[in-house]
Amino acid sequence: METARAQVVGHTVRVALCVDGPDEIEAIGRALDVCQRLLAGTPELHRHLISDCRLL
């Protein structure tokens, strides 16, 4: 991962990841994995869900 940014507004967390991967599917999979580990490892976020994933 080259860069990561997070924005928290109320009960919404937006995470922007710039992920290098051999293809788009690999990059999306890695980004979702990072998000899942973030949510599982942060007590304040453990009830949050991944609701959207966009490739930019």
Protein backbone atom coordinates (compact mmCIF):
# COMPACT_ATOMS: atom_id res chain seq x y z
CA MET A 1 0.00 0.00 0.00
CA GLU A 2 1.43 3.36 -0.92
CA THR A 3 -0.93 5.80 0.83
CA ALA A 4 -3.92 5.67 3.13
CA ARG A 5 -6.28 8.32 4.49
CA ALA A 6 -9.23 8.06 6.84
CA GLN A 7 -12.03 10.52 7.56
CA VAL A 8 -14.44 10.03 10.47
CA VAL A 9 -17.72 11.96 10.48
CA GLY A 10 -20.24 10.93 13.12
CA HIS A 11 -20.70 7.19 12.72
CA THR A 12 -19.26 7.14 9.21
CA VAL A 13 -15.68 6.21 8.41
CA ARG A 14 -14.29 6.78 4.93
CA VAL A 15 -10.99 5.16 4.09
CA ALA A 16 -9.09 5.97 0.90
CA LEU A 17 -6.35 3.51 -0.03
CA CYS A 18 -3.90 3.65 -2.89
CA VAL A 19 -2.99 0.01 -3.43
CA ASP A 20 -0.52 -1.42 -5.92
CA GLY A 21 -1.51 -4.72 -7.43
CA PRO A 22 -0.99 -6.71 -10.59
CA ASP A 23 -4.60 -6.06 -11.60
CA GLU A 24 -7.76 -4.28 -10.43
CA ILE A 25 -9.34 -7.36 -8.81
CA GLU A 26 -6.20 -7.97 -6.73
CA ALA A 27 -6.06 -4.31 -5.66
CA ILE A 28 -9.72 -4.28 -4.60
CA GLY A 29 -9.28 -7.53 -2.67
CA ARG A 30 -6.26 -6.15 -0.83
CA ALA A 31 -8.09 -2.90 -0.02
CA LEU A 32 -11.11 -4.77 1.37
CA ASP A 33 -8.80 -6.97 3.45
CA VAL A 34 -7.14 -3.88 4.95
CA CYS A 35 -10.55 -2.39 5.76
CA GLN A 36 -11.76 -5.61 7.42
CA ARG A 37 -8.63 -5.82 9.57
CA LEU A 38 -9.02 -2.14 10.53
CA LEU A 39 -12.62 -2.67 11.61
CA ALA A 40 -11.85 -5.88 13.50
CA GLY A 41 -8.81 -4.44 15.26
CA THR A 42 -10.29 -1.13 16.41
CA PRO A 43 -12.73 -1.36 19.33
CA GLU A 44 -14.43 1.91 18.34
CA LEU A 45 -15.13 0.59 14.84
CA HIS A 46 -15.97 -3.07 15.52
CA ARG A 47 -19.70 -2.53 14.76
CA HIS A 48 -19.09 -0.66 11.51
CA LEU A 49 -19.52 -2.36 8.14
CA ILE A 50 -17.95 -1.90 4.75
CA SER A 51 -20.78 -0.40 2.74
CA ASP A 52 -19.10 0.80 -0.43
CA CYS A 53 -15.99 0.14 -2.45
CA ARG A 54 -15.01 2.23 -5.45
CA LEU A 55 -12.13 1.93 -7.84
CA LEU A 56 -10.83 5.34 -8.80
